[in-house]
Protein backbone atom coordinates (compact mmCIF):
# COMPACT_ATOMS: atom_id res chain seq x y z
CA MET A 1 -5.77 -28.96 49.94
CA SER A 2 -7.83 -26.05 49.03
CA ARG A 3 -6.41 -23.05 47.33
CA SER A 4 -6.78 -19.59 49.06
CA ILE A 5 -9.03 -17.05 47.49
CA GLY A 6 -7.57 -15.45 44.39
CA GLN A 7 -5.23 -18.28 43.63
CA ARG A 8 -6.41 -19.69 40.32
CA PRO A 9 -5.11 -20.36 36.75
CA MET A 10 -4.22 -17.18 34.72
CA GLY A 11 -6.64 -16.18 32.02
CA PRO A 12 -10.38 -15.05 31.88
CA LEU A 13 -12.50 -16.17 34.99
CA THR A 14 -15.13 -18.72 34.17
CA LEU A 15 -18.13 -20.14 35.90
CA ARG A 16 -16.27 -23.50 36.07
CA GLN A 17 -13.44 -22.11 38.01
CA LEU A 18 -16.03 -20.48 40.33
CA VAL A 19 -17.73 -23.94 40.99
CA ASP A 20 -14.16 -25.55 41.32
CA GLU A 21 -13.25 -23.18 44.07
CA PRO A 22 -13.84 -24.98 47.39
CA SER A 23 -13.77 -21.84 49.60
CA LEU A 24 -16.88 -20.53 47.90
CA GLY A 25 -19.17 -23.58 48.39
CA LEU A 26 -20.97 -23.24 45.19
CA ALA A 27 -23.00 -26.18 43.55
CA VAL A 28 -24.62 -26.38 40.28
CA ALA A 29 -28.34 -26.42 40.01
CA GLU A 30 -28.70 -25.92 36.34
CA PRO A 31 -25.43 -25.91 34.37
CA GLY A 32 -26.05 -23.98 31.25
CA ASP A 33 -22.68 -23.22 29.75
CA LEU A 34 -20.06 -23.42 32.52
CA SER A 35 -17.33 -22.12 30.20
CA THR A 36 -18.99 -18.55 30.18
CA VAL A 37 -16.61 -15.88 31.15
CA VAL A 38 -17.38 -13.93 34.29
CA ARG A 39 -16.83 -10.16 34.23
CA GLY A 40 -18.23 -9.08 37.65
CA ALA A 41 -20.78 -9.97 40.52
CA HIS A 42 -23.41 -7.92 42.21
CA SER A 43 -25.96 -8.91 44.93
CA ILE A 44 -29.52 -7.68 44.12
CA GLU A 45 -32.73 -8.10 45.98
CA ILE A 46 -34.93 -5.44 44.20
CA GLU A 47 -37.17 -5.54 41.05
CA ASP A 48 -35.69 -4.84 37.52
CA ALA A 49 -32.38 -6.61 38.75
CA ALA A 50 -31.04 -6.72 35.17
CA ARG A 51 -30.87 -3.03 34.72
CA TRP A 52 -28.12 -2.86 37.45
CA LEU A 53 -25.92 -5.53 35.56
CA ARG A 54 -23.40 -5.39 32.74
CA PRO A 55 -22.98 -8.25 30.22
CA GLY A 56 -20.94 -11.13 31.68
CA TRP A 57 -21.82 -10.20 35.25
CA ILE A 58 -23.40 -12.62 37.72
CA MET A 59 -26.36 -11.79 40.01
CA LEU A 60 -26.48 -13.00 43.59
CA THR A 61 -30.03 -13.24 45.31
CA THR A 62 -31.50 -14.87 48.43
CA GLY A 63 -34.93 -14.96 46.76
CA LEU A 64 -36.43 -12.22 49.00
CA ARG A 65 -38.58 -10.92 46.23
CA PHE A 66 -40.31 -14.44 45.92
CA LEU A 67 -40.76 -14.98 49.64
CA GLU A 68 -44.45 -13.83 49.87
CA ARG A 69 -45.57 -16.18 46.98
CA PRO A 70 -42.87 -18.90 46.44
CA GLU A 71 -45.30 -21.03 44.28
CA HIS A 72 -45.96 -18.27 41.70
CA GLU A 73 -43.59 -19.02 38.87
CA ALA A 74 -44.30 -15.97 36.58
CA PRO A 75 -42.05 -13.48 38.52
CA GLN A 76 -39.23 -16.18 38.66
CA ALA A 77 -39.49 -16.72 34.86
CA ARG A 78 -39.43 -13.05 34.18
CA LEU A 79 -36.43 -12.60 36.22
CA VAL A 80 -34.52 -15.18 34.22
CA ASP A 81 -35.73 -13.67 30.82
CA GLN A 82 -34.41 -10.31 32.03
CA LEU A 83 -31.04 -11.83 33.02
CA VAL A 84 -30.79 -13.59 29.62
CA ASP A 85 -31.59 -10.54 27.72
CA ALA A 86 -29.09 -8.34 29.69
CA GLY A 87 -26.39 -10.86 28.79
CA ALA A 88 -25.81 -11.97 32.54
CA ALA A 89 -23.29 -14.78 32.92
CA ALA A 90 -25.22 -16.64 35.69
CA LEU A 91 -27.69 -16.51 38.58
CA LEU A 92 -26.33 -17.34 42.00
CA PHE A 93 -29.05 -18.31 44.63
CA GLY A 94 -28.14 -18.25 48.29
CA ILE A 95 -29.89 -21.16 50.15
CA GLY A 96 -30.35 -21.33 53.89
CA VAL A 97 -31.55 -17.88 54.27
CA HIS A 98 -35.07 -17.54 52.96
CA PHE A 99 -35.30 -20.78 50.98
CA ASP A 100 -33.62 -24.19 51.76
CA GLU A 101 -33.49 -24.97 48.00
CA VAL A 102 -34.02 -23.16 44.71
CA PRO A 103 -37.60 -22.52 43.91
CA ALA A 104 -38.91 -24.80 41.18
CA GLY A 105 -40.06 -22.10 38.90
CA LEU A 106 -36.65 -20.49 38.86
CA ARG A 107 -35.01 -23.82 38.14
CA GLU A 108 -37.42 -24.61 35.29
CA ALA A 109 -37.07 -21.12 33.80
CA ALA A 110 -33.09 -21.34 33.96
CA ARG A 111 -33.14 -24.81 32.37
CA GLU A 112 -35.43 -23.59 29.42
CA ARG A 113 -33.36 -20.46 28.78
CA ARG A 114 -30.05 -22.34 29.57
CA LEU A 115 -28.86 -19.80 32.10
CA PRO A 116 -26.40 -21.08 34.44
CA LEU A 117 -27.94 -21.34 37.91
CA LEU A 118 -25.62 -22.00 40.97
CA THR A 119 -26.30 -22.25 44.61
CA VAL A 120 -24.50 -20.55 47.36
CA SER A 121 -24.19 -22.39 50.75
CA ALA A 122 -25.36 -20.63 53.93
CA GLY A 123 -21.94 -20.51 55.25
CA THR A 124 -20.53 -18.48 52.23
CA PRO A 125 -21.13 -14.65 52.38
CA PHE A 126 -22.15 -13.01 49.25
CA ALA A 127 -19.27 -10.65 49.74
CA ALA A 128 -16.82 -13.48 49.57
CA VAL A 129 -18.07 -14.42 46.21
CA GLU A 130 -18.06 -10.87 44.94
CA ASP A 131 -14.50 -10.41 46.25
CA PHE A 132 -13.18 -13.55 44.47
CA VAL A 133 -14.87 -12.40 41.22
CA ASN A 134 -13.66 -9.02 41.30
CA ARG A 135 -10.02 -10.02 42.27
CA GLY A 136 -10.15 -12.76 39.56
CA THR A 137 -11.53 -10.24 36.91
CA LEU A 138 -8.80 -7.67 37.83
CA SER A 139 -6.10 -10.47 37.65
CA SER A 140 -7.59 -11.39 34.20
CA GLU A 141 -7.58 -7.96 32.90
CA THR A 142 -4.00 -7.53 34.13
CA TYR A 143 -2.88 -10.68 32.39
CA LEU A 144 -4.63 -9.50 29.09
CA LEU A 145 -3.07 -6.01 29.34
CA LYS A 146 0.36 -7.59 30.01
CA ARG A 147 -0.12 -9.97 27.07
CA THR A 148 -1.22 -7.12 24.72
CA VAL A 149 1.86 -5.03 25.73
CA TRP A 150 4.16 -7.95 25.19
CA LEU A 151 2.62 -8.72 21.66
CA GLN A 152 2.99 -5.01 20.74
CA ASN A 153 6.56 -4.94 21.85
CA ASP A 154 7.52 -8.06 19.99
CA LEU A 155 5.87 -7.00 16.88
CA LEU A 156 7.14 -3.42 17.08
CA LYS A 157 10.76 -4.73 16.63
CA ALA A 158 9.76 -5.30 13.13
CA LEU A 159 9.86 -1.47 12.65
CA SER A 160 13.72 -1.59 12.82
CA ALA A 161 14.04 -4.20 10.02
CA THR A 162 14.91 -3.05 6.48
CA ASP A 163 11.72 -4.68 5.29
CA PRO A 164 9.18 -4.12 8.09
CA ALA A 165 6.25 -5.99 6.13
CA THR A 166 8.34 -9.18 5.76
CA ALA A 167 9.70 -8.99 9.38
CA LEU A 168 6.25 -8.53 10.81
CA VAL A 169 4.66 -11.41 8.84
CA THR A 170 7.74 -13.65 10.04
CA ARG A 171 6.87 -12.71 13.59
CA LEU A 172 3.20 -13.36 13.25
CA SER A 173 4.01 -16.80 11.83
CA THR A 174 6.16 -17.57 14.73
CA LEU A 175 3.53 -16.33 17.34
CA SER A 176 0.76 -18.15 15.78
CA LYS A 177 2.80 -21.33 15.32
CA GLY A 178 1.67 -21.66 11.72
CA THR A 179 1.85 -19.40 8.67
CA ALA A 180 1.16 -15.76 7.99
CA ALA A 181 0.53 -13.68 4.90
CA LEU A 182 0.11 -10.06 3.80
CA TYR A 183 -2.23 -9.81 0.64
CA GLU A 184 -2.88 -6.93 -1.62
CA SER A 185 -6.72 -6.43 -2.47
CA SER A 186 -6.03 -8.24 -5.78
CA GLY A 187 -4.90 -11.25 -4.03
CA ARG A 188 -1.18 -10.77 -4.76
CA ILE A 189 1.05 -11.95 -1.69
CA ILE A 190 3.26 -9.11 -0.60
CA ALA A 191 4.87 -11.30 2.13
CA SER A 192 4.35 -14.65 3.71
CA THR A 193 6.15 -17.17 5.70
CA GLY A 194 5.47 -20.54 7.10
CA HIS A 195 3.81 -23.61 5.37
CA GLY A 196 0.20 -23.19 4.72
CA PRO A 197 -2.54 -23.13 2.04
CA LEU A 198 -2.03 -19.40 1.17
CA ARG A 199 -3.90 -19.64 -2.08
CA LEU A 200 -6.89 -21.41 -0.68
CA ILE A 201 -7.02 -19.05 2.22
CA TRP A 202 -7.03 -16.04 -0.24
CA GLU A 203 -9.91 -17.75 -2.28
CA GLU A 204 -11.78 -18.01 0.95
CA ILE A 205 -11.17 -14.31 1.93
CA ALA A 206 -12.28 -13.08 -1.39
CA THR A 207 -15.68 -14.81 -1.00
CA ARG A 208 -16.36 -13.07 2.28
CA GLU A 209 -17.36 -9.52 3.14
CA THR A 210 -14.53 -7.00 4.01
CA ALA A 211 -14.45 -7.48 7.79
CA PRO A 212 -12.43 -9.39 10.33
CA GLN A 213 -12.97 -13.01 9.69
CA ARG A 214 -12.57 -16.31 11.42
CA PHE A 215 -12.80 -19.51 9.32
CA SER A 216 -11.17 -22.93 8.59
CA VAL A 217 -9.44 -24.31 5.63
CA GLY A 218 -9.07 -27.93 5.99
CA ARG A 219 -7.05 -28.54 9.32
CA TRP A 220 -6.04 -24.95 9.42
CA ALA A 221 -7.76 -22.35 11.59
CA VAL A 222 -7.55 -19.01 9.94
CA ALA A 223 -8.14 -15.39 11.24
CA THR A 224 -7.92 -12.30 8.96
CA ARG A 225 -8.23 -8.60 9.07
CA PRO A 226 -8.66 -5.86 6.34
CA PHE A 227 -7.01 -2.42 6.64
CA LEU A 228 -6.24 0.52 4.51
CA LEU A 229 -2.72 2.11 3.75
CA ARG A 230 -2.18 4.98 1.70
CA GLY A 231 -5.71 4.48 0.02
CA SER A 232 -4.92 0.92 -0.76
CA GLY A 233 -6.60 -2.16 0.69
CA PHE A 234 -4.67 -5.14 2.27
CA ARG A 235 -5.62 -8.29 4.13
CA LEU A 236 -3.46 -9.88 6.89
CA ALA A 237 -4.07 -13.53 7.50
CA ILE A 238 -2.69 -15.96 10.17
CA ALA A 239 -3.35 -19.66 10.13
CA SER A 240 -2.47 -22.52 12.51
CA GLN A 241 -3.52 -26.10 13.16
CA ASN A 242 -3.85 -25.04 16.76
CA SER A 243 -7.48 -23.64 16.52
CA PRO A 244 -7.60 -22.46 20.25
CA LEU A 245 -4.41 -20.37 19.94
CA ILE A 246 -6.11 -18.62 16.87
CA ASP A 247 -9.25 -18.07 18.75
CA ASP A 248 -7.32 -16.70 21.76
CA LEU A 249 -4.42 -14.68 20.19
CA GLY A 250 -5.70 -13.98 16.53
CA PRO A 251 -7.75 -10.74 17.14
CA ASP A 252 -4.99 -9.17 19.33
CA LEU A 253 -2.09 -10.12 16.91
CA LEU A 254 -4.04 -8.88 13.77
CA GLU A 255 -4.95 -5.61 15.35
CA THR A 256 -1.55 -4.93 16.68
CA ALA A 257 0.06 -5.93 13.46
CA GLU A 258 -2.28 -3.34 11.63
CA HIS A 259 -1.06 -0.72 13.88
CA VAL A 260 2.66 -1.66 13.41
CA LEU A 261 2.22 -1.57 9.64
CA ALA A 262 0.53 1.92 9.89
CA ALA A 263 3.48 3.13 11.92
CA ALA A 264 6.00 1.63 9.52
CA ASN A 265 4.15 3.36 6.78
CA ALA A 266 4.06 6.69 8.55
CA VAL A 267 7.88 6.40 9.32
CA ARG A 268 8.60 5.36 5.66
CA ASP A 269 6.44 8.47 4.54
CA LEU A 270 8.37 10.82 6.76
CA THR A 271 11.79 9.49 5.72
CA MET A 272 10.79 9.66 2.12
CA ASN A 273 9.43 13.27 2.36
CA GLN A 274 12.80 14.30 3.90
CA GLU A 275 14.71 12.55 1.20
CA ARG A 276 12.57 14.20 -1.37
CA ALA A 277 13.22 17.57 0.06
CA GLU A 278 17.00 17.09 0.20
CA ALA A 279 17.07 15.61 -3.47
CA ALA A 280 15.13 18.74 -4.69
CA ARG A 281 17.76 20.95 -2.86
CA LEU A 282 20.51 18.95 -4.46
CA VAL A 283 19.00 19.18 -7.90
CA SER A 284 18.58 23.04 -7.46
CA ALA A 285 22.33 23.26 -6.34
CA LEU A 286 23.58 21.38 -9.37
CA HIS A 287 21.52 23.31 -11.75
CA ALA A 288 22.69 26.63 -10.32
CA GLY A 289 26.27 25.40 -10.55
CA VAL A 290 28.62 24.07 -7.99
CA PRO A 291 31.75 26.10 -7.28
CA ALA A 292 34.95 24.29 -6.96
CA SER A 293 35.27 24.86 -3.35
CA ARG A 294 32.01 23.04 -2.59
CA VAL A 295 32.51 19.96 -4.90
CA ARG A 296 33.57 17.60 -2.21
CA GLN A 297 30.80 18.57 0.02
CA THR A 298 28.32 18.20 -2.69
CA TRP A 299 29.59 14.50 -3.42
CA ASP A 300 29.09 13.97 0.32
CA ARG A 301 25.56 14.93 0.13
CA LEU A 302 25.08 12.87 -2.95
CA ARG A 303 26.54 9.63 -1.31
CA PRO A 304 23.38 8.67 0.71
CA PHE A 305 21.40 8.63 -2.61
CA ARG A 306 23.68 5.87 -3.84
CA PHE A 307 25.97 7.83 -6.01
CA ARG A 308 29.72 7.03 -6.29
CA VAL A 309 32.01 9.93 -5.79
CA GLY A 310 33.50 10.90 -9.13
CA GLY A 311 31.06 8.82 -11.10
CA GLU A 312 29.51 9.82 -14.40
CA LEU A 313 26.10 11.49 -14.15
CA ARG A 314 23.35 12.20 -16.58
CA VAL A 315 20.57 14.99 -16.21
CA ILE A 316 17.08 13.93 -17.17
CA SER A 317 14.22 16.23 -18.21
CA ALA A 318 10.72 14.69 -18.62
CA SER A 319 7.25 15.75 -19.36
CA PRO A 320 4.01 13.51 -18.76
CA LEU A 321 2.67 12.19 -21.91
CA ALA A 322 -0.98 12.86 -20.75
CA PRO A 323 -2.96 13.82 -17.58
CA ARG A 324 -2.61 11.15 -15.17
CA ARG A 325 -5.69 8.74 -15.22
CA ALA A 326 -7.29 7.15 -12.23
CA SER A 327 -5.61 4.14 -11.19
CA ILE A 328 -5.88 1.25 -8.66
CA ASP A 329 -2.35 2.22 -7.78
CA PRO A 330 -2.58 5.37 -5.62
CA ARG A 331 1.37 6.16 -5.90
CA ARG A 332 2.49 8.99 -7.88
CA PRO A 333 4.81 8.19 -10.96
CA SER A 334 7.61 9.74 -8.96
CA ASP A 335 7.08 7.29 -6.05
CA VAL A 336 7.35 4.46 -8.60
CA LEU A 337 10.53 5.88 -9.96
CA LEU A 338 12.11 6.35 -6.73
CA GLU A 339 11.27 2.84 -5.56
CA GLU A 340 12.64 1.31 -8.71
CA ALA A 341 15.87 3.26 -8.30
CA HIS A 342 16.15 2.17 -4.59
CA LEU A 343 15.37 -1.63 -5.74
CA GLU A 344 18.14 -1.44 -8.45
CA GLY A 345 20.61 0.42 -6.19
CA LEU A 346 20.66 3.17 -8.72
CA GLY A 347 21.90 6.65 -7.75
CA LEU A 348 19.08 9.20 -8.20
CA ILE A 349 17.87 12.53 -7.02
CA LEU A 350 14.70 13.89 -8.44
CA SER A 351 12.70 16.97 -8.43
CA GLU A 352 8.97 17.18 -9.52
CA GLU A 353 7.61 20.62 -10.15
CA ASP A 354 3.89 21.72 -10.63
CA GLU A 355 5.38 24.35 -13.02
CA SER A 356 8.32 23.74 -15.31
CA ASP A 357 9.90 27.21 -15.04
CA THR A 358 12.52 26.25 -12.54
CA PHE A 359 14.34 23.57 -14.65
CA GLY A 360 12.55 23.72 -17.94
CA SER A 361 10.52 20.55 -17.48
CA PRO A 362 8.01 19.19 -14.91
CA LEU A 363 10.31 16.46 -13.71
CA THR A 364 14.11 16.93 -13.48
CA ALA A 365 16.43 14.25 -12.23
CA VAL A 366 20.20 13.47 -11.97
CA LEU A 367 20.98 9.93 -12.55
CA ALA A 368 24.12 7.77 -12.00
CA ASP A 369 25.19 6.51 -15.49
CA GLY A 370 25.43 2.78 -16.00
CA PRO A 371 23.62 -0.33 -16.99
CA ALA A 372 20.88 -0.03 -14.38
CA ALA A 373 20.06 3.48 -15.73
CA ASP A 374 18.85 1.90 -18.93
CA GLY A 375 15.98 0.03 -17.25
CA TRP A 376 15.01 3.08 -15.25
CA LEU A 377 15.01 5.29 -18.28
CA ALA A 378 12.73 2.62 -19.97
CA LEU A 379 10.32 2.79 -17.06
CA LEU A 380 10.31 6.68 -17.14
CA SER A 381 9.63 6.81 -20.97
CA GLY A 382 6.57 4.64 -20.46
CA THR A 383 4.69 7.54 -18.95
CA HIS A 384 6.95 10.64 -19.96
CA LEU A 385 8.54 12.12 -23.04
CA THR A 386 12.19 12.16 -21.84
CA GLY A 387 15.39 14.01 -22.68
CA VAL A 388 18.76 12.81 -21.48
CA SER A 389 21.89 14.67 -21.38
CA GLY A 390 25.26 13.45 -22.09
CA PRO A 391 27.48 12.01 -19.32
CA PHE A 392 29.64 14.16 -17.15
CA GLY A 393 31.57 13.73 -13.97
CA ASP A 394 32.63 17.37 -13.13
CA LEU A 395 30.06 18.91 -10.95
CA THR A 396 31.15 22.50 -11.83
CA VAL A 397 29.84 22.11 -15.41
CA ALA A 398 26.49 20.50 -14.41
CA PRO A 399 24.43 23.57 -15.67
CA GLN A 400 25.32 23.03 -19.26
CA TYR A 401 24.10 19.37 -19.05
CA PHE A 402 20.81 20.61 -17.47
CA GLN A 403 20.41 22.68 -20.73
CA GLU A 404 21.26 19.58 -22.89
CA ALA A 405 18.63 17.57 -21.16
CA VAL A 406 15.99 20.37 -21.82
CA THR A 407 17.02 20.47 -25.49
CA ALA A 408 16.85 16.73 -25.83
CA LEU A 409 13.35 16.82 -24.26
CA ARG A 410 12.34 19.50 -26.87
CA VAL A 411 13.45 17.00 -29.73
CA ALA A 412 11.42 14.28 -28.09
CA VAL A 413 8.42 16.53 -27.79
CA ARG A 414 8.69 17.62 -31.43
CA ARG A 415 9.16 14.12 -32.77
CA HIS A 416 6.34 12.91 -30.78
CA ASP A 417 4.04 15.67 -32.08
CA VAL A 418 4.55 14.30 -35.63
CA GLY A 419 3.87 10.73 -34.74
CA ALA A 420 7.30 9.36 -34.05
CA GLY A 421 7.43 6.24 -31.79
CA THR A 422 10.65 7.45 -29.93
CA ARG A 423 9.72 8.75 -26.48
CA ILE A 424 13.33 9.21 -25.24
CA VAL A 425 16.00 11.15 -26.83
CA ARG A 426 19.91 11.07 -25.70
CA LEU A 427 21.41 14.21 -26.90
CA ASP A 428 24.87 12.55 -26.96
CA GLU A 429 23.48 9.97 -29.45
CA VAL A 430 21.75 12.10 -31.94
CA ASP A 431 23.33 12.78 -35.35
CA PHE A 432 24.96 15.94 -36.39
CA ALA A 433 21.79 17.47 -38.24
CA THR A 434 19.60 16.86 -35.28
CA TRP A 435 22.28 18.55 -32.97
CA LEU A 436 22.30 21.53 -35.40
CA LEU A 437 18.67 21.71 -35.26
CA THR A 438 18.52 21.90 -31.51
CA ARG A 439 20.48 25.21 -31.69
CA ARG A 440 18.00 27.04 -33.99
CA ASP A 441 15.84 29.85 -32.93
CA ASP A 442 12.45 28.41 -33.60
CA ALA A 443 10.77 31.90 -34.08
CA GLN A 444 13.21 32.86 -36.87
CA VAL A 445 13.19 29.33 -38.39
CA ALA A 446 9.46 29.42 -38.85
CA ALA A 447 9.59 32.49 -41.00
CA ARG A 448 12.43 31.16 -42.97
CA PHE A 449 10.77 27.81 -43.42
CA ASP A 450 7.59 29.40 -44.75
CA ARG A 451 9.61 31.44 -47.32
CA HIS A 452 11.46 28.43 -48.74
CA PHE A 453 8.96 25.50 -48.23
CA GLY A 454 5.51 27.18 -47.71
CA ALA A 455 4.42 26.52 -51.26
CA LEU A 456 5.71 23.03 -51.14
CA VAL A 457 3.68 22.39 -47.95
CA ARG A 458 0.49 23.92 -49.37
CA ALA A 459 0.76 22.05 -52.83
CA GLY A 460 -1.36 18.99 -51.88
CA GLY A 461 0.73 15.81 -51.50
CA LEU A 462 4.03 17.07 -52.70
CA ALA A 463 5.38 17.53 -49.19
CA GLU A 464 4.13 14.16 -48.23
CA THR A 465 5.71 12.53 -51.14
CA VAL A 466 9.16 14.37 -50.51
CA ILE A 467 9.06 13.15 -46.91
CA THR A 468 8.19 9.61 -47.84
CA TYR A 469 10.89 9.55 -50.66
CA LEU A 470 13.72 10.69 -48.16
CA ALA A 471 12.45 8.22 -45.49
CA CYS A 472 12.62 5.42 -48.11
CA GLN A 473 16.20 6.29 -48.85
CA GLN A 474 15.24 7.94 -52.20
CA ASP A 475 13.95 4.74 -53.50
CA VAL A 476 10.97 5.54 -55.81
CA LYS A 477 9.43 2.05 -55.94
CA LYS A 478 9.46 1.90 -52.02
CA THR A 479 7.93 5.33 -51.94
CA ALA A 480 5.11 4.31 -54.20
CA GLU A 481 4.27 1.22 -52.11
CA ARG A 482 4.35 3.36 -49.06
CA LEU A 483 1.97 5.83 -50.51
CA PHE A 484 -0.21 3.34 -52.31
CA VAL A 485 0.37 5.00 -55.78
CA HIS A 486 2.17 4.09 -59.18
CA PRO A 487 5.79 4.80 -59.32
CA ASN A 488 5.18 7.18 -62.11
CA THR A 489 3.03 9.28 -59.96
CA VAL A 490 5.94 9.54 -57.50
CA ARG A 491 8.20 10.60 -60.39
CA TYR A 492 5.67 13.22 -61.53
CA ARG A 493 5.28 14.69 -58.00
CA LEU A 494 9.12 14.80 -57.57
CA HIS A 495 9.47 16.66 -60.90
CA LYS A 496 6.95 19.21 -59.61
CA VAL A 497 9.11 19.45 -56.43
CA GLU A 498 12.22 20.09 -58.58
CA GLN A 499 10.47 22.83 -60.52
CA GLN A 500 9.80 24.55 -57.09
CA MET A 501 13.23 24.03 -55.79
CA GLY A 502 15.03 25.16 -59.03
CA ALA A 503 17.33 22.12 -58.88
CA PRO A 504 17.26 18.35 -59.41
CA ILE A 505 15.94 16.33 -56.43
CA SER A 506 19.03 14.33 -56.41
CA ALA A 507 21.38 17.30 -55.83
CA ALA A 508 23.06 17.21 -52.47
CA SER A 509 21.97 20.81 -51.52
CA VAL A 510 18.43 20.08 -52.22
CA VAL A 511 18.44 16.81 -50.29
CA ALA A 512 20.25 18.54 -47.29
CA ASN A 513 17.83 21.25 -47.35
CA LEU A 514 14.73 19.13 -47.56
CA TYR A 515 16.08 16.74 -44.85
CA LEU A 516 16.79 19.49 -42.40
CA ALA A 517 13.41 21.09 -43.02
CA PHE A 518 11.45 17.94 -42.61
CA GLN A 519 13.69 15.92 -40.35
CA ASP A 520 11.24 15.11 -37.53
CA GLU A 521 8.65 13.93 -40.30
CA ILE A 522 11.11 11.89 -42.04
CA LEU A 523 12.30 10.17 -38.75
CA ALA A 524 8.61 9.59 -37.66
CA LEU A 525 8.13 7.63 -40.88
CA SER A 526 11.50 5.70 -40.52
CA GLN A 527 10.88 4.55 -36.95
CA PRO A 528 8.16 2.18 -35.58
CA ARG A 529 4.96 3.90 -34.83
CA ARG A 530 3.30 3.56 -31.37
């Protein structure tokens, strides 16, 4: 039983399907590659036929151009060469019109160039062949379009997941009936699922140029695609032991997945920008002071940032240690800090200013107090000098804790400037002397300091000896070892200091005054240096 025209298996139309269609009456004169996909058909009897064809099209002819000199093979070979150069899928020759069989020169040229050559029986109008091809091509394109839309819809569902990258990779693995992975440019696997040679796949990717690739790793057929997100390079890879499936679906799957990841990234950026703006507004509101009538409303605004109503908070003021260097990680430090807080479930709002006039420091944050806060503060102090206020739970008194954080930051900066290893200062943990020093007017203190201790500072190594002596708990022997001098040298210098101070070095008032004057330097010697 023959099929009616247009009824054929779904998928790209091939020459084999044309030959297998009984209604067309085609026969193979020279097979070439019958798996070649057919994109269209056109009847042409004029010279320079190839110029009228697109790649993948077939040409139909009755041989009218060869009628005058059928034995002349050069024009026949030239036609075949032109068709091959144009990427034609095949040549269909209609017999029973001008020729009862295909001219020998045409067959020979088609055989040499491996161009498929089919005959069309006299009872088959060329229009029937063109109609079949055009209908079949349209059907194939409709199928491909439907398949693409289906793949996109399936992969787009990953956007609603909490972790879109992992959800997308899981769907890719299912669709490819194998394994899928998302790699960073360094080779680190961000997300993967399924069982497959992921390390071997990356090693193969790393040896190839940055372009879509198709290769094999053992029994696994692999397709990969590079792409950029936020300035960073990534590689998507799918692998399956079903090689035809990777050949057929691989390019569409990977291209669609790239678009989904780009969309997920755009949604994420939009959400983060909105959260940043709201966080900055909340920081400003707390800095300005929250009236009692708006405390409940403010806690409601803090809740989406993982704060517990009534929980204790700390204010953070931080300043970068140095201008940011070029890095392979394009994220801003604040992005890293926000992501760390999110991963730890830590309550955090953060405001990062180009100028520090608003809050007293370039970076100001309000942090939920608790064990998770310690790890976050350690991360922050890796790139910033950090001041931390004491804990508080009453939002109406928040402004004074903003001032505490700024004060703590000033202590951290002052200590860092004299070489102390500490990068973070918690104002509620400093000693009484440090607290007193934070309340001084530095302009007045400088003048007073010069009057009392200027001569000591200018007297060679006396100030250094005093600072080291106090840092070593007033132990002469340890001081000498630290300064690489003889203990008698230390005693001599301390005697000179006593003459300048007008009192014994062991007197409580002298020790207190010297400690307060040189506290930062003493602490710098007492703590590990970085």
